[in-house]
Structures are given as structure tokens and as C-alpha cells.
Amino acid sequence: MEVKAELTKVSWSSRDELIGSTFVIIGITFIIALFVGMIDLILSKILSLLFR
């Protein structure tokens, strides 16, 4: 019964807030993936030039 009482006190996000937050998370994840990919590409080029 305590769980039901606590769940009635929770402030749930609206559908629009959830959709907006989801797009923000997907966008940030995409940007971080691009950044990590670029760093990987640059470092692999540098290392291939050094050890050639």
C-alpha cells in the first residue's frame, strides 16, 4: 500500500516533455558519437604516419 501512496505523489512528465527530452538525448548522443569518431580517425591517421 505504501508504494501506491508514493506513486500518487509522483509528478509525471507530460508526453510533450518526454518526446522533447528523447530528441535532446538522441541529438547529444549523435554529437558525442561524431566527436569520438573524429578523434579516432585523427589519432589513427597520426599513428599510421608515425609507425610507417
PDB file of N, CA and C in Angstrom:
ATOM      1  N   MET A   1       0.815  -1.199   0.000  1.00  0.00           N
ATOM      2  CA  MET A   1       0.000   0.000   0.000  1.00  0.00           C
ATOM      3  C   MET A   1       0.859   1.265   0.000  1.00  0.00           C
ATOM      4  N   GLU A   2       2.017   1.204   0.610  1.00  0.00           N
ATOM      5  CA  GLU A   2       2.882   2.378   0.647  1.00  0.00           C
ATOM      6  C   GLU A   2       3.336   2.776  -0.750  1.00  0.00           C
ATOM      7  N   VAL A   3       3.565   1.784  -1.595  1.00  0.00           N
ATOM      8  CA  VAL A   3       4.005   2.073  -2.960  1.00  0.00           C
ATOM      9  C   VAL A   3       2.929   2.843  -3.713  1.00  0.00           C
ATOM     10  N   LYS A   4       1.685   2.426  -3.594  1.00  0.00           N
ATOM     11  CA  LYS A   4       0.591   3.126  -4.273  1.00  0.00           C
ATOM     12  C   LYS A   4       0.470   4.563  -3.779  1.00  0.00           C
ATOM     13  N   ALA A   5       0.648   4.763  -2.489  1.00  0.00           N
ATOM     14  CA  ALA A   5       0.556   6.111  -1.928  1.00  0.00           C
ATOM     15  C   ALA A   5       1.686   6.990  -2.461  1.00  0.00           C
ATOM     16  N   GLU A   6       2.876   6.435  -2.558  1.00  0.00           N
ATOM     17  CA  GLU A   6       4.010   7.211  -3.062  1.00  0.00           C
ATOM     18  C   GLU A   6       3.855   7.509  -4.550  1.00  0.00           C
ATOM     19  N   LEU A   7       3.321   6.556  -5.312  1.00  0.00           N
ATOM     20  CA  LEU A   7       3.149   6.774  -6.749  1.00  0.00           C
ATOM     21  C   LEU A   7       2.127   7.856  -7.052  1.00  0.00           C
ATOM     22  N   THR A   8       1.197   8.082  -6.162  1.00  0.00           N
ATOM     23  CA  THR A   8       0.239   9.171  -6.388  1.00  0.00           C
ATOM     24  C   THR A   8       0.881  10.536  -6.166  1.00  0.00           C
ATOM     25  N   LYS A   9       1.990  10.574  -5.440  1.00  0.00           N
ATOM     26  CA  LYS A   9       2.691  11.829  -5.171  1.00  0.00           C
ATOM     27  C   LYS A   9       3.678  12.201  -6.278  1.00  0.00           C
ATOM     28  N   VAL A  10       3.985  11.262  -7.168  1.00  0.00           N
ATOM     29  CA  VAL A  10       4.988  11.489  -8.207  1.00  0.00           C
ATOM     30  C   VAL A  10       4.460  12.474  -9.244  1.00  0.00           C
ATOM     31  N   SER A  11       5.324  13.389  -9.650  1.00  0.00           N
ATOM     32  CA  SER A  11       4.977  14.331 -10.714  1.00  0.00           C
ATOM     33  C   SER A  11       5.503  13.767 -12.034  1.00  0.00           C
ATOM     34  N   TRP A  12       4.603  13.174 -12.825  1.00  0.00           N
ATOM     35  CA  TRP A  12       4.991  12.547 -14.081  1.00  0.00           C
ATOM     36  C   TRP A  12       5.134  13.599 -15.170  1.00  0.00           C
ATOM     37  N   SER A  13       6.079  13.398 -16.066  1.00  0.00           N
ATOM     38  CA  SER A  13       6.280  14.310 -17.195  1.00  0.00           C
ATOM     39  C   SER A  13       5.163  14.129 -18.213  1.00  0.00           C
ATOM     40  N   SER A  14       4.893  15.208 -18.932  1.00  0.00           N
ATOM     41  CA  SER A  14       3.871  15.119 -19.982  1.00  0.00           C
ATOM     42  C   SER A  14       4.455  14.428 -21.211  1.00  0.00           C
ATOM     43  N   ARG A  15       3.585  14.052 -22.129  1.00  0.00           N
ATOM     44  CA  ARG A  15       4.021  13.380 -23.360  1.00  0.00           C
ATOM     45  C   ARG A  15       4.952  14.287 -24.162  1.00  0.00           C
ATOM     46  N   ASP A  16       4.623  15.571 -24.245  1.00  0.00           N
ATOM     47  CA  ASP A  16       5.458  16.512 -24.998  1.00  0.00           C
ATOM     48  C   ASP A  16       6.843  16.658 -24.372  1.00  0.00           C
ATOM     49  N   GLU A  17       6.909  16.690 -23.043  1.00  0.00           N
ATOM     50  CA  GLU A  17       8.201  16.773 -22.364  1.00  0.00           C
ATOM     51  C   GLU A  17       9.036  15.527 -22.624  1.00  0.00           C
ATOM     52  N   LEU A  18       8.403  14.365 -22.603  1.00  0.00           N
ATOM     53  CA  LEU A  18       9.127  13.120 -22.862  1.00  0.00           C
ATOM     54  C   LEU A  18       9.662  13.066 -24.287  1.00  0.00           C
ATOM     55  N   ILE A  19       8.847  13.486 -25.244  1.00  0.00           N
ATOM     56  CA  ILE A  19       9.290  13.486 -26.642  1.00  0.00           C
ATOM     57  C   ILE A  19      10.441  14.471 -26.831  1.00  0.00           C
ATOM     58  N   GLY A  20      10.327  15.656 -26.241  1.00  0.00           N
ATOM     59  CA  GLY A  20      11.399  16.647 -26.337  1.00  0.00           C
ATOM     60  C   GLY A  20      12.689  16.157 -25.716  1.00  0.00           C
ATOM     61  N   SER A  21      12.583  15.552 -24.544  1.00  0.00           N
ATOM     62  CA  SER A  21      13.770  15.027 -23.867  1.00  0.00           C
ATOM     63  C   SER A  21      14.409  13.902 -24.670  1.00  0.00           C
ATOM     64  N   THR A  22      13.581  13.072 -25.288  1.00  0.00           N
ATOM     65  CA  THR A  22      14.100  11.974 -26.101  1.00  0.00           C
ATOM     66  C   THR A  22      14.899  12.505 -27.281  1.00  0.00           C
ATOM     67  N   PHE A  23      14.384  13.531 -27.963  1.00  0.00           N
ATOM     68  CA  PHE A  23      15.113  14.107 -29.090  1.00  0.00           C
ATOM     69  C   PHE A  23      16.415  14.759 -28.640  1.00  0.00           C
ATOM     70  N   VAL A  24      16.414  15.397 -27.479  1.00  0.00           N
ATOM     71  CA  VAL A  24      17.639  16.004 -26.958  1.00  0.00           C
ATOM     72  C   VAL A  24      18.680  14.924 -26.685  1.00  0.00           C
ATOM     73  N   ILE A  25      18.277  13.829 -26.065  1.00  0.00           N
ATOM     74  CA  ILE A  25      19.203  12.742 -25.753  1.00  0.00           C
ATOM     75  C   ILE A  25      19.751  12.109 -27.025  1.00  0.00           C
ATOM     76  N   ILE A  26      18.882  11.883 -28.014  1.00  0.00           N
ATOM     77  CA  ILE A  26      19.342  11.311 -29.282  1.00  0.00           C
ATOM     78  C   ILE A  26      20.315  12.264 -29.974  1.00  0.00           C
ATOM     79  N   GLY A  27      20.019  13.553 -29.956  1.00  0.00           N
ATOM     80  CA  GLY A  27      20.904  14.543 -30.569  1.00  0.00           C
ATOM     81  C   GLY A  27      22.261  14.605 -29.898  1.00  0.00           C
ATOM     82  N   ILE A  28      22.275  14.638 -28.578  1.00  0.00           N
ATOM     83  CA  ILE A  28      23.539  14.687 -27.841  1.00  0.00           C
ATOM     84  C   ILE A  28      24.343  13.416 -28.077  1.00  0.00           C
ATOM     85  N   THR A  29      23.669  12.265 -28.099  1.00  0.00           N
ATOM     86  CA  THR A  29      24.351  11.001 -28.364  1.00  0.00           C
ATOM     87  C   THR A  29      24.986  11.014 -29.750  1.00  0.00           C
ATOM     88  N   PHE A  30      24.274  11.537 -30.740  1.00  0.00           N
ATOM     89  CA  PHE A  30      24.796  11.626 -32.099  1.00  0.00           C
ATOM     90  C   PHE A  30      26.021  12.536 -32.153  1.00  0.00           C
ATOM     91  N   ILE A  31      25.964  13.676 -31.483  1.00  0.00           N
ATOM     92  CA  ILE A  31      27.090  14.616 -31.468  1.00  0.00           C
ATOM     93  C   ILE A  31      28.305  13.991 -30.800  1.00  0.00           C
ATOM     94  N   ILE A  32      28.110  13.314 -29.680  1.00  0.00           N
ATOM     95  CA  ILE A  32      29.225  12.665 -28.987  1.00  0.00           C
ATOM     96  C   ILE A  32      29.816  11.555 -29.852  1.00  0.00           C
ATOM     97  N   ALA A  33      28.953  10.786 -30.550  1.00  0.00           N
ATOM     98  CA  ALA A  33      29.448   9.727 -31.429  1.00  0.00           C
ATOM     99  C   ALA A  33      30.292  10.312 -32.560  1.00  0.00           C
ATOM    100  N   LEU A  34      29.852  11.421 -33.137  1.00  0.00           N
ATOM    101  CA  LEU A  34      30.645  12.080 -34.177  1.00  0.00           C
ATOM    102  C   LEU A  34      31.986  12.560 -33.636  1.00  0.00           C
ATOM    103  N   PHE A  35      31.966  13.138 -32.450  1.00  0.00           N
ATOM    104  CA  PHE A  35      33.197  13.630 -31.834  1.00  0.00           C
ATOM    105  C   PHE A  35      34.179  12.488 -31.588  1.00  0.00           C
ATOM    106  N   VAL A  36      33.702  11.402 -31.000  1.00  0.00           N
ATOM    107  CA  VAL A  36      34.570  10.254 -30.716  1.00  0.00           C
ATOM    108  C   VAL A  36      35.081   9.644 -32.023  1.00  0.00           C
ATOM    109  N   GLY A  37      34.225   9.568 -33.032  1.00  0.00           N
ATOM    110  CA  GLY A  37      34.644   9.043 -34.330  1.00  0.00           C
ATOM    111  C   GLY A  37      35.722   9.895 -34.973  1.00  0.00           C
ATOM    112  N   MET A  38      35.577  11.211 -34.888  1.00  0.00           N
ATOM    113  CA  MET A  38      36.589  12.105 -35.456  1.00  0.00           C
ATOM    114  C   MET A  38      37.917  11.988 -34.717  1.00  0.00           C
ATOM    115  N   ILE A  39      37.869  11.919 -33.399  1.00  0.00           N
ATOM    116  CA  ILE A  39      39.096  11.752 -32.617  1.00  0.00           C
ATOM    117  C   ILE A  39      39.769  10.435 -32.983  1.00  0.00           C
ATOM    118  N   ASP A  40      38.987   9.369 -33.122  1.00  0.00           N
ATOM    119  CA  ASP A  40      39.529   8.065 -33.500  1.00  0.00           C
ATOM    120  C   ASP A  40      40.181   8.131 -34.876  1.00  0.00           C
ATOM    121  N   LEU A  41      39.531   8.769 -35.822  1.00  0.00           N
ATOM    122  CA  LEU A  41      40.073   8.889 -37.171  1.00  0.00           C
ATOM    123  C   LEU A  41      41.378   9.678 -37.175  1.00  0.00           C
ATOM    124  N   ILE A  42      41.395  10.790 -36.464  1.00  0.00           N
ATOM    125  CA  ILE A  42      42.595  11.630 -36.408  1.00  0.00           C
ATOM    126  C   ILE A  42      43.748  10.878 -35.756  1.00  0.00           C
ATOM    127  N   LEU A  43      43.481  10.232 -34.625  1.00  0.00           N
ATOM    128  CA  LEU A  43      44.553   9.509 -33.938  1.00  0.00           C
ATOM    129  C   LEU A  43      45.056   8.328 -34.756  1.00  0.00           C
ATOM    130  N   SER A  44      44.176   7.636 -35.455  1.00  0.00           N
ATOM    131  CA  SER A  44      44.632   6.509 -36.276  1.00  0.00           C
ATOM    132  C   SER A  44      45.487   7.000 -37.439  1.00  0.00           C
ATOM    133  N   LYS A  45      45.152   8.145 -38.027  1.00  0.00           N
ATOM    134  CA  LYS A  45      45.980   8.712 -39.101  1.00  0.00           C
ATOM    135  C   LYS A  45      47.352   9.115 -38.568  1.00  0.00           C
ATOM    136  N   ILE A  46      47.383   9.744 -37.405  1.00  0.00           N
ATOM    137  CA  ILE A  46      48.652  10.163 -36.805  1.00  0.00           C
ATOM    138  C   ILE A  46      49.517   8.948 -36.500  1.00  0.00           C
ATOM    139  N   LEU A  47      48.924   7.918 -35.904  1.00  0.00           N
ATOM    140  CA  LEU A  47      49.696   6.726 -35.560  1.00  0.00           C
ATOM    141  C   LEU A  47      50.174   5.984 -36.801  1.00  0.00           C
ATOM    142  N   SER A  48      49.376   5.959 -37.850  1.00  0.00           N
ATOM    143  CA  SER A  48      49.822   5.285 -39.072  1.00  0.00           C
ATOM    144  C   SER A  48      50.978   6.046 -39.721  1.00  0.00           C
ATOM    145  N   LEU A  49      50.997   7.368 -39.598  1.00  0.00           N
ATOM    146  CA  LEU A  49      52.122   8.140 -40.123  1.00  0.00           C
ATOM    147  C   LEU A  49      53.376   7.944 -39.277  1.00  0.00           C
ATOM    148  N   LEU A  50      53.203   7.836 -37.972  1.00  0.00           N
ATOM    149  CA  LEU A  50      54.355   7.668 -37.084  1.00  0.00           C
ATOM    150  C   LEU A  50      55.012   6.300 -37.231  1.00  0.00           C
ATOM    151  N   PHE A  51      54.218   5.264 -37.428  1.00  0.00           N
ATOM    152  CA  PHE A  51      54.753   3.904 -37.458  1.00  0.00           C
ATOM    153  C   PHE A  51      54.886   3.352 -38.869  1.00  0.00           C
ATOM    154  N   ARG A  52      54.898   4.193 -39.845  1.00  0.00           N
ATOM    155  CA  ARG A  52      55.032   3.764 -41.229  1.00  0.00           C
ATOM    156  C   ARG A  52      56.442   3.366 -41.547  1.00  0.00           C
TER     157      ARG A  52
END
